[in-house]
């Protein structure tokens, strides 16, 4: 009886120890699986961030050159030519530049269904972060003939659908800016510039 009691107690203790070991091993497997599952969402977030990077590069505006029509919404702009001048207008009463004039020969066409009032403010020169506004007085003078008549001055001029006008837009700039090679013409569809496009001057 005493031998049987000793053997029975020993067997029970051995079973308890064996169960504890099996439980410890099983618990370790579950915790390692939990750790692996926690790591997965982090890697997917990194992948999503990387996917958005190329999209930002594609959003940059592409500029066209002289003589190439640029369509923006219902408007078509063409830069026909560029010249530098110290003065513009009729020889009898010219308008003189404070610095140096850049005179742009531009064609505008209205492809929309309604008349558009176009102005010299639709045109801006860009150089890096700097923006240069058109000189409205010089622009009117540049579109004035020797007889004094003004045609297509780009000063609050109404253009009906399917019509196009050709005229000059003038900018008064510092000589070193006017002669630089990195100037671009920015054109827009309306007074507020909701849609814009770029044309290289050189």
N, C-alpha and C. Protein backbone atom coordinates (compact mmCIF):
# COMPACT_ATOMS: atom_id res chain seq x y z
N UNK A 1 0.84 -1.21 0.00
CA UNK A 1 0.00 0.00 0.00
C UNK A 1 0.86 1.24 0.00
N UNK A 2 1.91 1.25 0.83
CA UNK A 2 2.78 2.42 0.90
C UNK A 2 3.50 2.63 -0.43
N UNK A 3 3.93 1.51 -1.06
CA UNK A 3 4.61 1.61 -2.36
C UNK A 3 3.68 2.18 -3.42
N UNK A 4 2.43 1.71 -3.39
CA UNK A 4 1.44 2.17 -4.38
C UNK A 4 1.16 3.67 -4.19
N UNK A 5 1.09 4.11 -2.95
CA UNK A 5 0.82 5.52 -2.64
C UNK A 5 1.97 6.41 -3.15
N UNK A 6 3.21 5.91 -2.89
CA UNK A 6 4.38 6.67 -3.34
C UNK A 6 4.42 6.77 -4.87
N UNK A 7 4.10 5.64 -5.56
CA UNK A 7 4.10 5.63 -7.04
C UNK A 7 2.99 6.54 -7.56
N UNK A 8 1.81 6.51 -6.95
CA UNK A 8 0.67 7.35 -7.39
C UNK A 8 0.95 8.82 -7.25
N UNK A 9 1.52 9.21 -6.13
CA UNK A 9 1.87 10.63 -5.91
C UNK A 9 2.91 11.10 -6.93
N UNK A 10 3.91 10.26 -7.15
CA UNK A 10 4.96 10.62 -8.13
C UNK A 10 4.41 10.78 -9.52
N UNK A 11 3.47 9.93 -9.90
CA UNK A 11 2.87 10.00 -11.24
C UNK A 11 2.06 11.28 -11.40
N UNK A 12 1.32 11.65 -10.35
CA UNK A 12 0.50 12.88 -10.41
C UNK A 12 1.38 14.11 -10.55
N UNK A 13 2.47 14.15 -9.79
CA UNK A 13 3.41 15.29 -9.86
C UNK A 13 4.04 15.38 -11.25
N UNK A 14 4.39 14.21 -11.80
CA UNK A 14 4.98 14.18 -13.15
C UNK A 14 4.01 14.70 -14.19
N UNK A 15 2.71 14.32 -14.05
CA UNK A 15 1.69 14.79 -14.98
C UNK A 15 1.50 16.31 -14.90
N UNK A 16 1.52 16.84 -13.67
CA UNK A 16 1.38 18.31 -13.47
C UNK A 16 2.53 19.06 -14.14
N UNK A 17 3.75 18.57 -13.93
CA UNK A 17 4.94 19.22 -14.53
C UNK A 17 4.87 19.15 -16.05
N UNK A 18 4.47 18.00 -16.58
CA UNK A 18 4.36 17.80 -18.03
C UNK A 18 3.31 18.75 -18.63
N UNK A 19 2.18 18.89 -17.92
CA UNK A 19 1.13 19.81 -18.39
C UNK A 19 1.59 21.26 -18.41
N UNK A 20 2.38 21.63 -17.37
CA UNK A 20 2.89 23.01 -17.30
C UNK A 20 3.84 23.29 -18.46
N UNK A 21 4.67 22.28 -18.80
CA UNK A 21 5.63 22.45 -19.92
C UNK A 21 4.89 22.60 -21.24
N UNK A 22 3.87 21.75 -21.46
CA UNK A 22 3.08 21.82 -22.71
C UNK A 22 2.36 23.16 -22.81
N UNK A 23 1.81 23.63 -21.70
CA UNK A 23 1.12 24.94 -21.69
C UNK A 23 2.06 26.08 -22.01
N UNK A 24 3.28 26.01 -21.46
CA UNK A 24 4.26 27.07 -21.71
C UNK A 24 4.67 27.11 -23.17
N UNK A 25 4.87 25.93 -23.76
CA UNK A 25 5.23 25.86 -25.17
C UNK A 25 4.11 26.36 -26.06
N UNK A 26 2.90 26.02 -25.77
CA UNK A 26 1.74 26.48 -26.55
C UNK A 26 1.55 27.98 -26.46
N UNK A 27 1.72 28.53 -25.27
CA UNK A 27 1.58 29.99 -25.08
C UNK A 27 2.62 30.77 -25.85
N UNK A 28 3.82 30.21 -25.92
CA UNK A 28 4.89 30.90 -26.65
C UNK A 28 4.59 31.01 -28.12
N UNK A 29 3.97 29.97 -28.71
CA UNK A 29 3.62 30.01 -30.13
C UNK A 29 2.59 31.08 -30.42
N UNK A 30 1.57 31.23 -29.55
CA UNK A 30 0.51 32.23 -29.76
C UNK A 30 1.05 33.64 -29.69
N UNK A 31 1.96 33.87 -28.72
CA UNK A 31 2.49 35.23 -28.58
C UNK A 31 3.34 35.62 -29.78
N UNK A 32 4.09 34.66 -30.33
CA UNK A 32 4.91 34.96 -31.51
C UNK A 32 4.04 35.27 -32.71
N UNK A 33 2.87 34.56 -32.82
CA UNK A 33 1.94 34.84 -33.92
C UNK A 33 1.33 36.23 -33.77
N UNK A 34 1.00 36.63 -32.54
CA UNK A 34 0.43 37.96 -32.28
C UNK A 34 1.42 39.05 -32.67
N UNK A 35 2.69 38.83 -32.35
CA UNK A 35 3.72 39.83 -32.68
C UNK A 35 3.85 40.00 -34.19
N UNK A 36 3.77 38.88 -34.92
CA UNK A 36 3.88 38.94 -36.37
C UNK A 36 2.69 39.67 -36.99
N UNK A 37 1.48 39.43 -36.44
CA UNK A 37 0.28 40.09 -36.97
C UNK A 37 0.28 41.58 -36.71
N UNK A 38 0.92 41.99 -35.57
CA UNK A 38 0.99 43.42 -35.24
C UNK A 38 1.94 44.15 -36.19
N UNK A 39 2.95 43.46 -36.71
CA UNK A 39 3.93 44.09 -37.60
C UNK A 39 3.38 44.33 -39.00
N UNK A 40 2.41 43.54 -39.47
CA UNK A 40 1.92 43.60 -40.84
C UNK A 40 1.30 44.95 -41.23
N UNK A 41 0.40 45.58 -40.43
CA UNK A 41 -0.20 46.87 -40.83
C UNK A 41 0.83 47.96 -41.03
N UNK A 42 1.94 47.94 -40.26
CA UNK A 42 2.96 48.98 -40.38
C UNK A 42 3.59 48.95 -41.76
N UNK A 43 3.91 47.74 -42.26
CA UNK A 43 4.55 47.60 -43.56
C UNK A 43 3.62 48.03 -44.69
N UNK A 44 2.31 47.78 -44.57
CA UNK A 44 1.37 48.17 -45.63
C UNK A 44 1.22 49.67 -45.69
N UNK A 45 1.29 50.36 -44.54
CA UNK A 45 1.18 51.82 -44.51
C UNK A 45 2.37 52.45 -45.22
N UNK A 46 3.55 51.89 -45.04
CA UNK A 46 4.76 52.40 -45.70
C UNK A 46 4.62 52.26 -47.21
N UNK A 47 4.07 51.12 -47.66
CA UNK A 47 3.89 50.88 -49.09
C UNK A 47 2.92 51.89 -49.70
N UNK A 48 1.84 52.21 -48.97
CA UNK A 48 0.85 53.16 -49.47
C UNK A 48 1.45 54.55 -49.62
N UNK A 49 2.30 54.96 -48.67
CA UNK A 49 2.94 56.28 -48.75
C UNK A 49 3.87 56.36 -49.96
N UNK A 50 4.60 55.26 -50.24
CA UNK A 50 5.52 55.23 -51.37
C UNK A 50 4.78 55.33 -52.69
N UNK A 51 3.56 54.76 -52.77
CA UNK A 51 2.79 54.77 -54.01
C UNK A 51 2.33 56.16 -54.40
N UNK A 52 2.17 57.08 -53.43
CA UNK A 52 1.66 58.43 -53.72
C UNK A 52 2.76 59.36 -54.25
N UNK A 53 4.01 59.03 -54.07
CA UNK A 53 5.10 59.92 -54.47
C UNK A 53 5.17 60.18 -55.97
N UNK A 54 5.05 59.16 -56.85
CA UNK A 54 5.13 59.43 -58.30
C UNK A 54 3.99 60.30 -58.81
N UNK A 55 2.83 60.27 -58.17
CA UNK A 55 1.67 61.04 -58.62
C UNK A 55 1.95 62.53 -58.53
N UNK A 56 2.65 62.98 -57.47
CA UNK A 56 2.95 64.39 -57.28
C UNK A 56 3.82 64.93 -58.41
N UNK A 57 4.73 64.13 -58.93
CA UNK A 57 5.62 64.56 -60.00
C UNK A 57 4.86 64.80 -61.29
N UNK A 58 3.80 64.04 -61.55
CA UNK A 58 3.05 64.15 -62.80
C UNK A 58 2.18 65.40 -62.86
N UNK A 59 1.97 66.08 -61.70
CA UNK A 59 1.08 67.23 -61.65
C UNK A 59 1.75 68.52 -62.13
N UNK A 60 3.04 68.51 -62.40
CA UNK A 60 3.75 69.71 -62.84
C UNK A 60 3.31 70.11 -64.25
N UNK A 61 3.21 71.46 -64.47
CA UNK A 61 2.77 71.98 -65.76
C UNK A 61 3.85 71.78 -66.82
N UNK A 62 3.44 71.39 -68.02
CA UNK A 62 4.35 71.24 -69.14
C UNK A 62 4.23 72.49 -70.02
N UNK A 63 5.36 73.12 -70.34
CA UNK A 63 5.36 74.35 -71.14
C UNK A 63 5.54 74.02 -72.62
N UNK A 64 4.89 74.82 -73.48
CA UNK A 64 5.07 74.70 -74.94
C UNK A 64 6.00 75.82 -75.40
N UNK A 65 6.37 75.78 -76.67
CA UNK A 65 7.28 76.78 -77.20
C UNK A 65 6.59 77.80 -78.09
N UNK A 66 7.38 78.73 -78.64
CA UNK A 66 6.87 79.76 -79.54
C UNK A 66 6.30 79.09 -80.79
N UNK A 67 5.11 79.56 -81.21
CA UNK A 67 4.47 79.03 -82.41
C UNK A 67 3.60 77.82 -82.17
N UNK A 68 3.57 77.28 -80.96
CA UNK A 68 2.75 76.11 -80.62
C UNK A 68 1.49 76.55 -79.89
N UNK A 69 0.33 76.14 -80.40
CA UNK A 69 -0.94 76.51 -79.77
C UNK A 69 -1.09 75.78 -78.44
N UNK A 70 -1.51 76.52 -77.41
CA UNK A 70 -1.72 75.97 -76.08
C UNK A 70 -3.19 76.09 -75.73
N UNK A 71 -3.86 74.95 -75.58
CA UNK A 71 -5.29 74.93 -75.28
C UNK A 71 -5.51 74.79 -73.78
N UNK A 72 -6.25 75.74 -73.21
CA UNK A 72 -6.58 75.71 -71.79
C UNK A 72 -8.08 75.91 -71.66
N UNK A 73 -8.79 74.87 -71.28
CA UNK A 73 -10.25 74.97 -71.23
C UNK A 73 -10.79 75.30 -72.61
N UNK A 74 -11.56 76.40 -72.71
CA UNK A 74 -12.14 76.83 -73.98
C UNK A 74 -11.27 77.87 -74.70
N UNK A 75 -10.10 78.16 -74.18
CA UNK A 75 -9.21 79.17 -74.76
C UNK A 75 -8.01 78.53 -75.42
N UNK A 76 -7.55 79.13 -76.53
CA UNK A 76 -6.33 78.68 -77.21
C UNK A 76 -5.39 79.89 -77.35
N UNK A 77 -4.19 79.76 -76.80
CA UNK A 77 -3.19 80.83 -76.85
C UNK A 77 -2.01 80.37 -77.71
N UNK A 78 -1.51 81.30 -78.53
CA UNK A 78 -0.31 81.03 -79.32
C UNK A 78 0.61 82.23 -79.22
N UNK A 79 1.85 81.98 -78.80
CA UNK A 79 2.86 83.04 -78.77
C UNK A 79 3.57 83.01 -80.13
N UNK A 80 3.35 84.08 -80.93
CA UNK A 80 3.89 84.12 -82.29
C UNK A 80 5.33 84.63 -82.36
N UNK A 81 5.69 85.50 -81.43
CA UNK A 81 7.03 86.07 -81.46
C UNK A 81 7.32 86.93 -80.24
N UNK A 82 8.62 87.19 -80.01
CA UNK A 82 9.07 87.99 -78.86
C UNK A 82 10.13 88.96 -79.34
N UNK A 83 10.06 90.22 -78.88
CA UNK A 83 11.10 91.18 -79.20
C UNK A 83 11.34 92.14 -78.03
N UNK A 84 12.54 92.71 -77.98
CA UNK A 84 12.89 93.70 -76.97
C UNK A 84 12.82 95.08 -77.61
N UNK A 85 12.40 96.07 -76.81
CA UNK A 85 12.29 97.44 -77.34
C UNK A 85 12.46 98.45 -76.21
N UNK A 86 12.93 99.64 -76.58
CA UNK A 86 13.04 100.74 -75.63
C UNK A 86 11.78 101.58 -75.60
N UNK A 87 10.98 101.48 -76.69
CA UNK A 87 9.72 102.23 -76.78
C UNK A 87 8.77 101.49 -77.71
N UNK A 88 7.48 101.79 -77.54
CA UNK A 88 6.45 101.18 -78.38
C UNK A 88 5.44 102.27 -78.78
N UNK A 89 4.67 101.97 -79.82
CA UNK A 89 3.64 102.91 -80.25
C UNK A 89 4.02 103.70 -81.47
N UNK A 90 3.19 104.67 -81.85
CA UNK A 90 3.47 105.50 -83.03
C UNK A 90 4.76 106.30 -82.86
N UNK A 91 5.45 106.52 -83.94
CA UNK A 91 6.72 107.25 -83.89
C UNK A 91 6.53 108.70 -83.44
N UNK A 92 5.35 109.26 -83.69
CA UNK A 92 5.08 110.65 -83.30
C UNK A 92 4.97 110.79 -81.78
N UNK A 93 4.28 109.85 -81.12
CA UNK A 93 4.08 109.93 -79.68
C UNK A 93 4.27 108.54 -79.05
N UNK A 94 5.52 108.06 -78.96
CA UNK A 94 5.75 106.71 -78.44
C UNK A 94 5.67 106.66 -76.91
N UNK A 95 5.53 105.45 -76.41
CA UNK A 95 5.58 105.21 -74.96
C UNK A 95 6.93 104.59 -74.65
N UNK A 96 7.69 105.23 -73.75
CA UNK A 96 9.06 104.77 -73.47
C UNK A 96 9.10 103.91 -72.21
N UNK A 97 10.00 102.93 -72.25
CA UNK A 97 10.14 102.00 -71.13
C UNK A 97 10.95 102.62 -69.99
N UNK A 98 10.60 102.25 -68.77
CA UNK A 98 11.42 102.64 -67.61
C UNK A 98 12.68 101.80 -67.58
N UNK A 99 12.56 100.54 -67.98
CA UNK A 99 13.70 99.64 -68.08
C UNK A 99 13.85 99.19 -69.52
N UNK A 100 13.32 98.00 -69.80
CA UNK A 100 13.35 97.44 -71.15
C UNK A 100 12.02 96.75 -71.41
N UNK A 101 11.43 97.00 -72.57
CA UNK A 101 10.17 96.35 -72.91
C UNK A 101 10.41 94.97 -73.50
N UNK A 102 9.59 94.01 -73.07
CA UNK A 102 9.45 92.74 -73.78
C UNK A 102 8.09 92.81 -74.46
N UNK A 103 8.10 92.72 -75.77
CA UNK A 103 6.87 92.82 -76.56
C UNK A 103 6.51 91.43 -77.08
N UNK A 104 5.35 90.93 -76.66
CA UNK A 104 4.91 89.60 -77.07
C UNK A 104 3.81 89.71 -78.11
N UNK A 105 3.97 89.02 -79.22
CA UNK A 105 2.95 88.95 -80.27
C UNK A 105 2.12 87.69 -79.99
N UNK A 106 0.84 87.90 -79.62
CA UNK A 106 0.01 86.79 -79.13
C UNK A 106 -1.28 86.66 -79.93
N UNK A 107 -1.72 85.41 -80.13
CA UNK A 107 -3.03 85.14 -80.72
C UNK A 107 -3.89 84.42 -79.68
N UNK A 108 -5.14 84.90 -79.55
CA UNK A 108 -6.09 84.27 -78.63
C UNK A 108 -7.33 83.84 -79.41
N UNK A 109 -7.80 82.62 -79.17
CA UNK A 109 -9.02 82.13 -79.81
C UNK A 109 -10.00 81.63 -78.75
N UNK A 110 -11.28 81.99 -78.92
CA UNK A 110 -12.33 81.58 -78.01
C UNK A 110 -13.07 80.36 -78.60
N UNK A 111 -12.84 79.19 -78.01
CA UNK A 111 -13.50 77.96 -78.46
C UNK A 111 -14.75 77.63 -77.64
N UNK A 112 -15.15 78.55 -76.76
CA UNK A 112 -16.30 78.31 -75.90
C UNK A 112 -17.62 78.64 -76.57
N UNK A 113 -18.69 78.61 -75.78
CA UNK A 113 -20.04 78.88 -76.28
C UNK A 113 -20.52 80.29 -75.96
N UNK A 114 -19.72 81.04 -75.21
CA UNK A 114 -20.10 82.40 -74.82
C UNK A 114 -18.96 83.37 -75.10
N UNK A 115 -19.30 84.64 -75.22
CA UNK A 115 -18.28 85.68 -75.42
C UNK A 115 -17.41 85.80 -74.17
N UNK A 116 -16.14 86.09 -74.38
CA UNK A 116 -15.18 86.23 -73.28
C UNK A 116 -14.55 87.62 -73.36
N UNK A 117 -14.49 88.30 -72.24
CA UNK A 117 -13.80 89.59 -72.18
C UNK A 117 -12.37 89.35 -71.75
N UNK A 118 -11.45 89.58 -72.67
CA UNK A 118 -10.03 89.31 -72.41
C UNK A 118 -9.30 90.60 -72.10
N UNK A 119 -8.29 90.50 -71.25
CA UNK A 119 -7.54 91.67 -70.81
C UNK A 119 -6.05 91.31 -70.73
N UNK A 120 -5.21 92.31 -70.69
CA UNK A 120 -3.77 92.06 -70.60
C UNK A 120 -3.39 91.37 -69.29
N UNK A 121 -4.30 91.41 -68.30
CA UNK A 121 -4.04 90.72 -67.03
C UNK A 121 -4.09 89.21 -67.17
N UNK A 122 -4.56 88.71 -68.33
CA UNK A 122 -4.57 87.28 -68.60
C UNK A 122 -3.14 86.77 -68.84
N UNK A 123 -2.20 87.69 -69.01
CA UNK A 123 -0.82 87.34 -69.35
C UNK A 123 0.13 87.80 -68.25
N UNK A 124 1.00 86.90 -67.80
CA UNK A 124 2.01 87.21 -66.78
C UNK A 124 3.32 86.55 -67.18
N UNK A 125 4.43 87.19 -66.81
CA UNK A 125 5.73 86.57 -67.02
C UNK A 125 6.21 85.99 -65.70
N UNK A 126 6.79 84.79 -65.78
CA UNK A 126 7.28 84.10 -64.59
C UNK A 126 8.78 83.84 -64.75
N UNK A 127 9.49 84.05 -63.63
CA UNK A 127 10.91 83.70 -63.58
C UNK A 127 11.20 83.16 -62.19
N UNK A 128 11.27 81.85 -62.09
CA UNK A 128 11.40 81.23 -60.77
C UNK A 128 10.15 81.52 -59.94
N UNK A 129 10.35 82.09 -58.75
CA UNK A 129 9.24 82.42 -57.87
C UNK A 129 8.66 83.81 -58.15
N UNK A 130 9.28 84.56 -59.05
CA UNK A 130 8.85 85.94 -59.32
C UNK A 130 7.82 86.00 -60.44
N UNK A 131 6.85 86.94 -60.28
CA UNK A 131 5.78 87.14 -61.27
C UNK A 131 5.79 88.59 -61.72
N UNK A 132 5.72 88.82 -63.04
CA UNK A 132 5.73 90.17 -63.62
C UNK A 132 4.42 90.42 -64.35
N UNK A 133 3.79 91.56 -64.05
CA UNK A 133 2.51 91.93 -64.64
C UNK A 133 2.72 92.70 -65.94
N UNK A 134 1.75 92.59 -66.85
CA UNK A 134 1.81 93.33 -68.11
C UNK A 134 1.56 94.81 -67.88
N UNK A 135 2.16 95.65 -68.72
CA UNK A 135 1.96 97.10 -68.68
C UNK A 135 0.80 97.42 -69.62
N UNK A 136 -0.38 97.74 -69.05
CA UNK A 136 -1.59 97.94 -69.86
C UNK A 136 -1.47 99.16 -70.78
N UNK A 137 -0.84 100.23 -70.30
CA UNK A 137 -0.68 101.45 -71.11
C UNK A 137 0.25 101.18 -72.29
N UNK A 138 1.38 100.54 -72.01
CA UNK A 138 2.33 100.22 -73.08
C UNK A 138 1.73 99.22 -74.07
N UNK A 139 0.90 98.30 -73.57
CA UNK A 139 0.25 97.32 -74.45
C UNK A 139 -0.71 98.01 -75.41
N UNK A 140 -1.47 98.99 -74.92
CA UNK A 140 -2.37 99.74 -75.79
C UNK A 140 -1.59 100.53 -76.83
N UNK A 141 -0.49 101.13 -76.40
CA UNK A 141 0.33 101.91 -77.32
C UNK A 141 0.97 101.03 -78.39
N UNK A 142 1.39 99.82 -78.00
CA UNK A 142 2.03 98.91 -78.95
C UNK A 142 1.06 98.45 -80.03
N UNK A 143 -0.25 98.45 -79.72
CA UNK A 143 -1.28 98.04 -80.68
C UNK A 143 -1.87 99.23 -81.45
N UNK A 144 -1.24 100.38 -81.30
CA UNK A 144 -1.70 101.60 -81.97
C UNK A 144 -0.88 101.84 -83.25
N UNK A 145 -1.58 102.06 -84.34
CA UNK A 145 -0.91 102.32 -85.61
C UNK A 145 -0.44 103.77 -85.72
N UNK A 146 0.24 104.10 -86.81
CA UNK A 146 0.73 105.47 -87.04
C UNK A 146 -0.42 106.46 -87.18
N UNK A 147 -1.60 105.96 -87.56
CA UNK A 147 -2.76 106.84 -87.69
C UNK A 147 -3.48 107.06 -86.36
N UNK A 148 -2.98 106.40 -85.30
CA UNK A 148 -3.59 106.59 -83.99
C UNK A 148 -4.66 105.58 -83.63
N UNK A 149 -5.08 104.76 -84.58
CA UNK A 149 -6.12 103.77 -84.31
C UNK A 149 -5.54 102.57 -83.54
N UNK A 150 -6.35 102.08 -82.57
CA UNK A 150 -5.94 100.94 -81.75
C UNK A 150 -6.75 99.71 -82.16
N UNK A 151 -6.05 98.62 -82.41
CA UNK A 151 -6.71 97.36 -82.76
C UNK A 151 -6.20 96.25 -81.83
N UNK A 152 -7.16 95.47 -81.32
CA UNK A 152 -6.81 94.31 -80.50
C UNK A 152 -5.80 94.66 -79.41
N UNK A 153 -6.23 95.54 -78.52
CA UNK A 153 -5.33 96.02 -77.47
C UNK A 153 -5.23 95.08 -76.28
N UNK A 154 -6.06 94.03 -76.24
CA UNK A 154 -6.16 93.16 -75.08
C UNK A 154 -6.52 93.95 -73.82
N UNK A 155 -7.29 95.03 -74.01
CA UNK A 155 -7.77 95.80 -72.87
C UNK A 155 -9.29 95.67 -72.81
N UNK A 156 -9.78 94.77 -71.93
CA UNK A 156 -11.21 94.52 -71.77
C UNK A 156 -11.91 94.36 -73.12
N UNK A 157 -11.30 93.54 -73.98
CA UNK A 157 -11.85 93.33 -75.31
C UNK A 157 -12.71 92.07 -75.35
N UNK A 158 -13.92 92.21 -75.88
CA UNK A 158 -14.84 91.08 -75.95
C UNK A 158 -14.58 90.25 -77.20
N UNK A 159 -14.48 88.94 -77.00
CA UNK A 159 -14.22 88.02 -78.10
C UNK A 159 -15.36 86.99 -78.14
N UNK A 160 -16.09 86.97 -79.25
CA UNK A 160 -17.21 86.04 -79.40
C UNK A 160 -16.72 84.62 -79.66
N UNK A 161 -17.60 83.61 -79.47
CA UNK A 161 -17.22 82.23 -79.75
C UNK A 161 -16.73 82.04 -81.18
N UNK A 162 -15.72 81.20 -81.34
CA UNK A 162 -15.11 80.85 -82.64
C UNK A 162 -14.33 82.00 -83.26
N UNK A 163 -14.18 83.11 -82.54
CA UNK A 163 -13.39 84.24 -83.04
C UNK A 163 -11.99 84.21 -82.42
N UNK A 164 -11.02 84.80 -83.13
CA UNK A 164 -9.69 84.95 -82.58
C UNK A 164 -9.17 86.36 -82.83
N UNK A 165 -8.32 86.81 -81.92
CA UNK A 165 -7.70 88.14 -82.08
C UNK A 165 -6.19 87.99 -81.95
N UNK A 166 -5.50 88.89 -82.62
CA UNK A 166 -4.04 88.89 -82.56
C UNK A 166 -3.59 90.29 -82.15
N UNK A 167 -2.69 90.35 -81.18
CA UNK A 167 -2.22 91.65 -80.72
C UNK A 167 -0.93 91.53 -79.93
N UNK A 168 -0.52 92.65 -79.30
CA UNK A 168 0.73 92.68 -78.56
C UNK A 168 0.48 92.94 -77.07
N UNK A 169 1.23 92.22 -76.26
CA UNK A 169 1.21 92.41 -74.81
C UNK A 169 2.62 92.80 -74.40
N UNK A 170 2.72 93.89 -73.62
CA UNK A 170 4.03 94.47 -73.31
C UNK A 170 4.32 94.42 -71.81
N UNK A 171 5.56 94.10 -71.48
CA UNK A 171 6.03 94.08 -70.09
C UNK A 171 7.22 95.01 -69.96
N UNK A 172 7.21 95.85 -68.92
CA UNK A 172 8.32 96.76 -68.65
C UNK A 172 9.17 96.14 -67.54
N UNK A 173 10.38 95.69 -67.89
CA UNK A 173 11.21 94.95 -66.94
C UNK A 173 12.59 95.57 -66.82
N UNK A 174 13.29 95.21 -65.76
CA UNK A 174 14.70 95.58 -65.63
C UNK A 174 15.47 94.94 -66.79
N UNK A 175 16.43 95.64 -67.40
CA UNK A 175 17.13 95.12 -68.58
C UNK A 175 17.69 93.71 -68.41
N UNK A 176 18.29 93.44 -67.23
CA UNK A 176 18.88 92.11 -67.03
C UNK A 176 17.80 91.02 -66.97
N UNK A 177 16.60 91.37 -66.51
CA UNK A 177 15.50 90.40 -66.48
C UNK A 177 14.96 90.18 -67.89
N UNK A 178 14.79 91.29 -68.63
CA UNK A 178 14.26 91.21 -69.99
C UNK A 178 15.17 90.38 -70.90
N UNK A 179 16.45 90.39 -70.64
CA UNK A 179 17.42 89.68 -71.49
C UNK A 179 17.73 88.27 -70.98
N UNK A 180 17.10 87.86 -69.88
CA UNK A 180 17.36 86.54 -69.32
C UNK A 180 16.75 85.45 -70.22
N UNK A 181 17.24 84.24 -70.07
CA UNK A 181 16.81 83.14 -70.95
C UNK A 181 15.80 82.20 -70.28
N UNK A 182 15.43 82.48 -69.02
CA UNK A 182 14.54 81.56 -68.30
C UNK A 182 13.14 82.13 -68.03
N UNK A 183 12.75 83.14 -68.79
CA UNK A 183 11.41 83.71 -68.63
C UNK A 183 10.36 82.82 -69.30
N UNK A 184 9.20 82.73 -68.68
CA UNK A 184 8.07 81.98 -69.24
C UNK A 184 6.82 82.85 -69.19
N UNK A 185 5.96 82.67 -70.19
CA UNK A 185 4.68 83.37 -70.24
C UNK A 185 3.61 82.47 -69.64
N UNK A 186 2.94 82.99 -68.61
CA UNK A 186 1.80 82.27 -68.03
C UNK A 186 0.51 82.87 -68.56
N UNK A 187 -0.33 82.05 -69.14
CA UNK A 187 -1.63 82.51 -69.66
C UNK A 187 -2.73 81.84 -68.84
N UNK A 188 -3.90 82.48 -68.80
CA UNK A 188 -4.99 81.96 -68.00
C UNK A 188 -6.33 82.12 -68.71
N UNK A 189 -7.34 81.41 -68.22
CA UNK A 189 -8.63 81.39 -68.90
C UNK A 189 -9.55 82.53 -68.47
N UNK A 190 -9.32 83.14 -67.34
CA UNK A 190 -10.21 84.21 -66.86
C UNK A 190 -9.47 85.16 -65.94
N UNK A 191 -10.21 86.16 -65.45
CA UNK A 191 -9.60 87.17 -64.58
C UNK A 191 -9.00 86.55 -63.34
N UNK A 192 -9.68 85.51 -62.80
CA UNK A 192 -9.21 84.89 -61.56
C UNK A 192 -8.18 83.80 -61.80
N UNK A 193 -7.93 83.48 -63.04
CA UNK A 193 -6.88 82.49 -63.35
C UNK A 193 -7.17 81.10 -62.83
N UNK A 194 -8.41 80.62 -63.04
CA UNK A 194 -8.78 79.29 -62.56
C UNK A 194 -8.02 78.18 -63.28
N UNK A 195 -7.67 78.41 -64.55
CA UNK A 195 -6.86 77.45 -65.32
C UNK A 195 -5.71 78.22 -65.96
N UNK A 196 -4.51 77.67 -65.86
CA UNK A 196 -3.33 78.35 -66.40
C UNK A 196 -2.48 77.39 -67.24
N UNK A 197 -1.60 77.99 -68.05
CA UNK A 197 -0.66 77.23 -68.85
C UNK A 197 0.61 78.03 -69.05
N UNK A 198 1.69 77.38 -69.46
CA UNK A 198 2.99 78.03 -69.59
C UNK A 198 3.53 77.92 -71.02
N UNK A 199 4.17 79.03 -71.46
CA UNK A 199 4.81 79.07 -72.78
C UNK A 199 6.23 79.61 -72.58
N UNK A 200 7.21 78.88 -73.12
CA UNK A 200 8.60 79.32 -73.02
C UNK A 200 8.87 80.47 -74.00
N UNK A 201 9.61 81.49 -73.53
CA UNK A 201 9.94 82.62 -74.39
C UNK A 201 11.16 82.36 -75.26
N UNK A 202 12.00 81.41 -74.85
CA UNK A 202 13.23 81.15 -75.61
C UNK A 202 13.24 79.69 -76.09
